[in-house]
Amino acid sequence: MDGSITLTAEDRKIALQVFRRDRVVRRALVLLLLADGCSYRTIRQMAYVGNDTIAEVKQAFQEGGVQTVVENRSAAVTPWWQKVVTTWVEKRAPQDFGFYRQRWSCAALALLLAEEYQVRVSPETVRRALRRADHVWRRPRPVLGPTDPEYDAKMRHMQQVLATLPANETAVYQDEVDVNLNPKIGACWMRRGQQAEVVTPGTNVKRHLAGSLVYRTGRLLVSPPGLRRDAALFVAHLEDLRRRLRCYRVIHVFCDNAGFHRSRLVNEFLRRWGHRCRLHYLPKYAPETNPIERVWWRLHETITRNHRCPTIEALLDEVYTWVNEQPYFLCKDILPSRLAA
């Protein structure tokens, strides 16, 4: 027998992690292979290192001998090109350099280093350099580009309404939310090297909920679901608010600028009940000004992500159970103290 063995992908991953953990041993192995006359390509294959590590070991030996190579330094020498790469990632786009792609990859960065600075490193070396520079591969946060020119005026109006709110009047933050039978996918615990599965029904079924967050109490009021996110859903919710908050003379409703919030059906409702329900429109492109958005985020995090409900009715039962079990949302991250009474 030749003594050869076969490693599974997981076994190989564990062995490489242990080997790469000891920097001194890895550098000593590179030094021995260089002394044996091995080429860079052979050393890369045998020691699982990049060209920059090989060149660093060779230079360290030539300048200070073997002790310089194997000394246990707490931190590796930061290559000068690492700052160049991080600058590209943070401030430039691949299209600026002629790449036909939207996101940076380690292979593209390594290619660009070779073209711009004649620095030849592997994509894996670039990845490790980015990790040393505290860069991670993760999804970016979408932000709205446009801004509302009336933002400051609308915010002053909202604060004025809340600051002068009489005891016999109330205010609510209103918004709609979608509930889908196809579950939203969220992170969860799973074994390393394995990926958990979330069963989806394939054919999606959607319902729309209209809800309001009461300003003084933090109580969440959610109306029955609708098949469409339209004016009929909004008017039905206003009717629901009018009945459920009948102890108040006026209900101030802060809502976003969705087109159906200004529709003919809404105007007809306001002609009849405008003395009790008054609409105030929040700034455009500014969902952060509506605290109920964070309530919907909690709803998705708690109920709809990775759910296992077989039907939309079962999912809605869980949603309304969660809504009814929330006594209030009067906390700093939902109703900011500068707005709360």
Protein backbone atom coordinates (compact mmCIF):
# COMPACT_ATOMS: atom_id res chain seq x y z
CA MET A 1 0.00 0.00 0.00
CA ASP A 2 1.19 3.52 -0.75
CA GLY A 3 -0.39 4.92 2.39
CA SER A 4 -2.65 7.35 0.53
CA ILE A 5 -5.94 8.37 2.09
CA THR A 6 -9.06 10.19 1.01
CA LEU A 7 -10.40 13.19 2.92
CA THR A 8 -13.96 14.40 2.79
CA ALA A 9 -14.54 18.08 2.09
CA GLU A 10 -15.31 18.69 5.77
CA ASP A 11 -12.20 16.78 6.96
CA ARG A 12 -10.03 18.75 4.55
CA LYS A 13 -11.53 22.02 5.75
CA ILE A 14 -10.80 21.20 9.40
CA ALA A 15 -7.22 20.11 8.66
CA LEU A 16 -6.51 23.31 6.70
CA GLN A 17 -7.92 25.44 9.50
CA VAL A 18 -5.60 23.80 12.04
CA PHE A 19 -2.61 24.05 9.72
CA ARG A 20 -3.17 27.72 8.90
CA ARG A 21 -3.61 28.57 12.56
CA ASP A 22 0.14 28.05 13.22
CA ARG A 23 1.91 30.76 11.27
CA VAL A 24 5.42 29.78 12.40
CA VAL A 25 5.09 26.19 11.19
CA ARG A 26 3.71 27.35 7.85
CA ARG A 27 6.61 29.78 7.30
CA ALA A 28 9.15 27.16 8.32
CA LEU A 29 7.70 24.73 5.78
CA VAL A 30 7.94 27.37 3.05
CA LEU A 31 11.59 28.00 3.98
CA LEU A 32 12.43 24.29 3.78
CA LEU A 33 10.75 23.94 0.40
CA LEU A 34 12.63 26.98 -0.93
CA ALA A 35 15.88 25.43 0.27
CA ASP A 36 15.00 22.23 -1.59
CA GLY A 37 14.73 24.22 -4.81
CA CYS A 38 10.95 23.93 -5.20
CA SER A 39 9.22 26.38 -7.51
CA TYR A 40 6.64 28.87 -6.29
CA ARG A 41 3.93 26.81 -7.93
CA THR A 42 5.01 23.66 -6.07
CA ILE A 43 5.25 25.51 -2.75
CA ARG A 44 1.77 26.94 -3.22
CA GLN A 45 0.40 23.44 -3.74
CA MET A 46 2.32 21.86 -0.84
CA ALA A 47 2.12 24.63 1.78
CA TYR A 48 -1.27 26.13 0.87
CA VAL A 49 0.11 29.69 0.78
CA GLY A 50 0.16 32.51 -1.75
CA ASN A 51 3.02 34.06 -3.67
CA ASP A 52 3.21 37.01 -1.29
CA THR A 53 3.86 34.71 1.69
CA ILE A 54 6.59 32.87 -0.21
CA ALA A 55 8.26 36.13 -1.22
CA GLU A 56 7.99 37.46 2.34
CA VAL A 57 9.67 34.34 3.78
CA LYS A 58 12.48 34.52 1.21
CA GLN A 59 13.10 38.21 1.90
CA ALA A 60 13.02 37.70 5.69
CA PHE A 61 15.61 34.91 5.43
CA GLN A 62 17.90 36.96 3.22
CA GLU A 63 17.74 39.93 5.59
CA GLY A 64 17.85 38.26 9.02
CA GLY A 65 18.33 34.53 8.71
CA VAL A 66 16.16 31.71 9.92
CA GLN A 67 15.28 33.37 13.24
CA THR A 68 13.64 36.25 11.39
CA VAL A 69 11.53 33.77 9.43
CA VAL A 70 10.28 31.68 12.36
CA GLU A 71 9.92 34.34 15.06
CA ASN A 72 6.38 34.27 16.46
CA ARG A 73 5.17 37.77 15.67
CA SER A 74 1.73 38.63 17.02
CA ALA A 75 0.65 40.31 13.81
CA ALA A 76 1.58 39.67 10.22
CA VAL A 77 3.22 42.39 8.16
CA THR A 78 0.56 44.38 6.35
CA PRO A 79 1.37 44.53 2.64
CA TRP A 80 1.35 48.02 1.14
CA TRP A 81 -1.18 47.06 -1.52
CA GLN A 82 -3.82 46.17 1.11
CA LYS A 83 -4.67 49.86 1.52
CA VAL A 84 -4.99 50.17 -2.26
CA VAL A 85 -7.45 47.28 -2.40
CA THR A 86 -9.56 48.60 0.49
CA THR A 87 -9.71 52.00 -1.20
CA TRP A 88 -11.00 50.39 -4.40
CA VAL A 89 -13.61 48.43 -2.47
CA GLU A 90 -14.82 51.41 -0.44
CA LYS A 91 -14.67 54.25 -2.96
CA ARG A 92 -14.51 52.86 -6.49
CA ALA A 93 -16.67 50.58 -8.62
CA PRO A 94 -15.50 47.82 -11.00
CA GLN A 95 -16.92 49.80 -13.95
CA ASP A 96 -14.40 52.59 -13.19
CA PHE A 97 -11.66 50.22 -14.35
CA GLY A 98 -13.48 48.74 -17.33
CA PHE A 99 -14.91 45.61 -15.67
CA TYR A 100 -18.32 44.53 -16.88
CA ARG A 101 -19.68 43.74 -13.40
CA GLN A 102 -21.44 45.50 -10.54
CA ARG A 103 -19.62 44.09 -7.49
CA TRP A 104 -15.98 43.55 -6.62
CA SER A 105 -14.69 40.01 -6.48
CA CYS A 106 -11.34 38.88 -5.09
CA ALA A 107 -10.39 37.62 -8.56
CA ALA A 108 -11.13 41.02 -10.11
CA LEU A 109 -9.10 42.81 -7.42
CA ALA A 110 -6.17 40.43 -7.90
CA LEU A 111 -6.28 40.98 -11.68
CA LEU A 112 -6.40 44.75 -11.23
CA LEU A 113 -3.41 44.66 -8.85
CA ALA A 114 -1.41 42.81 -11.46
CA GLU A 115 -2.39 45.26 -14.20
CA GLU A 116 -1.98 48.49 -12.23
CA TYR A 117 0.95 47.72 -9.89
CA GLN A 118 2.46 44.46 -11.23
CA VAL A 119 1.65 42.84 -7.88
CA ARG A 120 0.74 39.21 -8.52
CA VAL A 121 -1.27 37.68 -5.69
CA SER A 122 -3.99 35.05 -5.64
CA PRO A 123 -7.69 35.84 -5.04
CA GLU A 124 -7.40 33.98 -1.73
CA THR A 125 -4.59 36.32 -0.66
CA VAL A 126 -6.78 39.31 -1.50
CA ARG A 127 -9.62 37.81 0.53
CA ARG A 128 -7.37 37.38 3.58
CA ALA A 129 -6.10 40.94 3.18
CA LEU A 130 -9.65 42.27 3.17
CA ARG A 131 -10.47 40.26 6.28
CA ARG A 132 -7.40 41.69 8.03
CA ALA A 133 -8.68 45.15 7.11
CA ASP A 134 -12.00 44.35 8.86
CA HIS A 135 -13.95 43.91 5.63
CA VAL A 136 -16.64 41.24 5.38
CA TRP A 137 -18.80 39.87 2.58
CA ARG A 138 -22.41 40.68 3.44
CA ARG A 139 -25.54 42.16 1.95
CA PRO A 140 -25.60 45.97 1.81
CA ARG A 141 -28.44 48.01 3.29
CA PRO A 142 -30.69 49.62 0.68
CA VAL A 143 -31.26 53.33 1.19
CA LEU A 144 -33.48 55.72 -0.70
CA GLY A 145 -31.72 58.16 -2.94
CA PRO A 146 -34.36 60.93 -3.34
CA THR A 147 -35.24 63.27 -0.48
CA ASP A 148 -38.41 65.18 0.23
CA PRO A 149 -37.86 68.97 -0.10
CA GLU A 150 -40.65 69.44 2.46
CA TYR A 151 -39.05 67.05 4.97
CA ASP A 152 -38.31 69.67 7.66
CA ALA A 153 -41.73 71.32 7.33
CA LYS A 154 -43.57 68.00 7.62
CA MET A 155 -41.51 66.95 10.63
CA ARG A 156 -42.18 70.28 12.38
CA HIS A 157 -45.89 69.87 11.67
CA MET A 158 -45.92 66.35 13.12
CA GLN A 159 -44.07 67.44 16.25
CA GLN A 160 -46.42 70.39 16.66
CA VAL A 161 -49.49 68.15 16.41
CA LEU A 162 -48.09 65.74 18.99
CA ALA A 163 -46.89 68.48 21.34
CA THR A 164 -50.31 70.16 21.44
CA LEU A 165 -52.43 67.00 21.40
CA PRO A 166 -55.42 67.44 23.75
CA ALA A 167 -56.51 64.66 26.08
CA ASN A 168 -59.66 64.01 24.04
CA GLU A 169 -57.69 63.51 20.82
CA THR A 170 -55.25 60.78 19.82
CA ALA A 171 -52.67 60.15 17.10
CA VAL A 172 -51.63 56.97 15.31
CA TYR A 173 -48.86 55.96 12.92
CA GLN A 174 -50.45 53.99 10.07
CA ASP A 175 -48.97 51.68 7.44
CA GLU A 176 -49.67 48.50 5.48
CA VAL A 177 -47.68 45.26 5.50
CA ASP A 178 -47.65 42.24 3.18
CA VAL A 179 -47.89 38.68 4.51
CA ASN A 180 -46.70 36.02 2.05
CA LEU A 181 -47.17 32.26 2.21
CA ASN A 182 -43.72 31.91 0.64
CA PRO A 183 -41.61 32.50 3.77
CA LYS A 184 -39.08 35.30 4.01
CA ILE A 185 -35.66 33.71 4.44
CA GLY A 186 -33.74 34.65 7.56
CA ALA A 187 -30.52 33.55 9.23
CA CYS A 188 -30.71 30.65 11.70
CA TRP A 189 -28.36 28.28 13.50
CA MET A 190 -27.07 25.32 11.52
CA ARG A 191 -24.06 23.02 11.45
CA ARG A 192 -20.92 24.38 9.84
CA GLY A 193 -20.61 23.13 6.28
CA GLN A 194 -24.30 22.33 6.05
CA GLN A 195 -27.22 24.51 4.97
CA ALA A 196 -30.62 24.28 6.63
CA GLU A 197 -33.68 24.08 4.40
CA VAL A 198 -36.93 26.03 4.51
CA VAL A 199 -39.82 24.34 2.69
CA THR A 200 -41.80 26.70 0.48
CA PRO A 201 -45.21 26.00 -1.05
CA GLY A 202 -44.05 27.05 -4.52
CA THR A 203 -47.22 28.98 -5.38
CA ASN A 204 -47.32 32.12 -3.30
CA VAL A 205 -50.46 33.46 -1.63
CA LYS A 206 -50.43 37.04 -0.35
CA ARG A 207 -52.54 39.02 2.10
CA HIS A 208 -52.26 42.69 3.04
CA LEU A 209 -52.71 44.06 6.56
CA ALA A 210 -53.38 47.66 7.53
CA GLY A 211 -52.31 48.62 11.04
CA SER A 212 -51.78 51.62 13.29
CA LEU A 213 -49.55 52.27 16.29
CA VAL A 214 -51.25 54.46 18.91
CA TYR A 215 -48.98 57.32 19.88
CA ARG A 216 -49.59 57.67 23.62
CA THR A 217 -49.97 53.99 24.54
CA GLY A 218 -47.97 52.12 21.89
CA ARG A 219 -50.96 49.84 21.28
CA LEU A 220 -50.99 48.08 17.90
CA LEU A 221 -54.31 48.02 16.03
CA VAL A 222 -54.50 45.73 12.99
CA SER A 223 -57.62 45.39 10.82
CA PRO A 224 -58.78 42.23 8.98
CA PRO A 225 -56.64 41.27 5.97
CA GLY A 226 -57.37 42.30 2.41
CA LEU A 227 -56.65 40.75 -0.96
CA ARG A 228 -55.20 43.99 -2.34
CA ARG A 229 -53.15 46.87 -1.02
CA ASP A 230 -55.48 49.63 -2.16
CA ALA A 231 -57.82 52.42 -1.09
CA ALA A 232 -60.50 49.96 0.01
CA LEU A 233 -58.07 48.41 2.51
CA PHE A 234 -57.07 51.85 3.79
CA VAL A 235 -60.66 53.10 4.15
CA ALA A 236 -61.67 49.88 5.93
CA HIS A 237 -58.85 50.47 8.39
CA LEU A 238 -59.92 54.08 8.96
CA GLU A 239 -63.44 52.82 9.68
CA ASP A 240 -61.96 50.32 12.11
CA LEU A 241 -59.98 53.07 13.85
CA ARG A 242 -63.08 55.25 14.08
CA ARG A 243 -64.96 52.48 15.88
CA ARG A 244 -62.15 51.19 18.10
CA LEU A 245 -61.05 54.68 19.17
CA ARG A 246 -64.54 56.12 19.54
CA CYS A 247 -63.70 57.59 22.94
CA TYR A 248 -61.59 60.24 21.19
CA ARG A 249 -63.06 63.27 19.49
CA VAL A 250 -60.37 63.42 16.79
CA ILE A 251 -57.96 60.76 15.46
CA HIS A 252 -54.81 62.14 13.82
CA VAL A 253 -53.51 59.57 11.32
CA PHE A 254 -49.87 59.88 10.22
CA CYS A 255 -49.40 57.89 7.01
CA ASP A 256 -47.06 57.66 4.05
CA ASN A 257 -47.60 59.13 0.60
CA ALA A 258 -48.95 56.04 -1.18
CA GLY A 259 -51.16 57.04 -4.10
CA PHE A 260 -54.26 55.30 -2.77
CA HIS A 261 -54.02 57.33 0.46
CA ARG A 262 -55.23 60.30 -1.62
CA SER A 263 -57.72 58.46 -3.81
CA ARG A 264 -61.35 59.32 -4.54
CA LEU A 265 -62.57 56.66 -2.10
CA VAL A 266 -60.47 58.18 0.69
CA ASN A 267 -61.70 61.68 -0.12
CA GLU A 268 -65.31 60.46 0.07
CA PHE A 269 -64.61 58.97 3.51
CA LEU A 270 -63.02 62.24 4.69
CA ARG A 271 -65.98 64.30 3.46
CA ARG A 272 -68.14 62.27 5.79
CA TRP A 273 -65.78 61.62 8.71
CA GLY A 274 -63.05 64.25 8.28
CA HIS A 275 -64.11 65.90 11.54
CA ARG A 276 -63.00 62.72 13.36
CA CYS A 277 -60.18 61.32 11.18
CA ARG A 278 -57.55 63.78 10.02
CA LEU A 279 -54.77 62.59 7.73
CA HIS A 280 -51.21 63.92 8.03
CA TYR A 281 -48.69 62.83 5.41
CA LEU A 282 -45.18 61.94 6.52
CA PRO A 283 -42.11 63.01 4.50
CA LYS A 284 -41.57 61.15 1.24
CA TYR A 285 -38.70 58.67 0.93
CA ALA A 286 -38.32 58.60 4.72
CA PRO A 287 -39.73 55.34 6.16
CA GLU A 288 -37.64 55.87 9.30
CA THR A 289 -40.07 58.65 10.34
CA ASN A 290 -42.87 56.10 10.77
CA PRO A 291 -42.31 54.02 13.95
CA ILE A 292 -44.72 51.27 12.84
CA GLU A 293 -42.15 50.25 10.21
CA ARG A 294 -40.06 48.84 13.06
CA VAL A 295 -43.09 46.98 14.37
CA TRP A 296 -43.50 45.29 10.97
CA TRP A 297 -39.80 44.41 11.06
CA ARG A 298 -40.36 42.67 14.40
CA LEU A 299 -43.37 40.88 12.96
CA HIS A 300 -41.30 39.48 10.08
CA GLU A 301 -38.40 38.57 12.37
CA THR A 302 -40.69 36.75 14.82
CA ILE A 303 -43.36 35.16 12.63
CA THR A 304 -42.90 35.21 8.87
CA ARG A 305 -39.21 34.44 8.43
CA ASN A 306 -38.62 30.70 7.86
CA HIS A 307 -42.21 29.93 8.87
CA ARG A 308 -43.60 26.43 8.32
CA CYS A 309 -47.31 27.23 7.97
CA PRO A 310 -48.92 25.14 5.19
CA THR A 311 -51.69 27.67 4.43
CA ILE A 312 -52.11 31.42 4.46
CA GLU A 313 -54.93 31.01 7.02
CA ALA A 314 -52.58 29.27 9.45
CA LEU A 315 -49.97 31.97 8.95
CA LEU A 316 -52.51 34.75 9.54
CA ASP A 317 -53.62 33.01 12.75
CA GLU A 318 -50.04 33.20 14.00
CA VAL A 319 -49.73 36.83 12.91
CA TYR A 320 -52.88 37.94 14.75
CA THR A 321 -51.94 35.88 17.81
CA TRP A 322 -48.62 37.71 17.89
CA VAL A 323 -50.37 41.08 17.45
CA ASN A 324 -52.81 40.38 20.28
CA GLU A 325 -50.02 39.27 22.62
CA GLN A 326 -48.11 42.54 22.25
CA PRO A 327 -49.27 44.76 25.14
CA TYR A 328 -47.50 47.86 23.81
CA PHE A 329 -44.55 49.02 21.73
CA LEU A 330 -43.74 52.09 23.80
CA CYS A 331 -39.97 51.68 23.86
CA LYS A 332 -37.06 53.78 22.65
CA ASP A 333 -36.53 51.96 19.37
CA ILE A 334 -40.23 52.14 18.39
CA LEU A 335 -41.51 55.46 19.74
CA PRO A 336 -38.54 57.80 20.13
CA SER A 337 -38.44 59.76 23.37
CA ARG A 338 -38.38 63.06 21.46
CA LEU A 339 -41.84 62.20 20.11
CA ALA A 340 -43.35 60.19 22.97
CA ALA A 341 -45.59 61.94 25.45
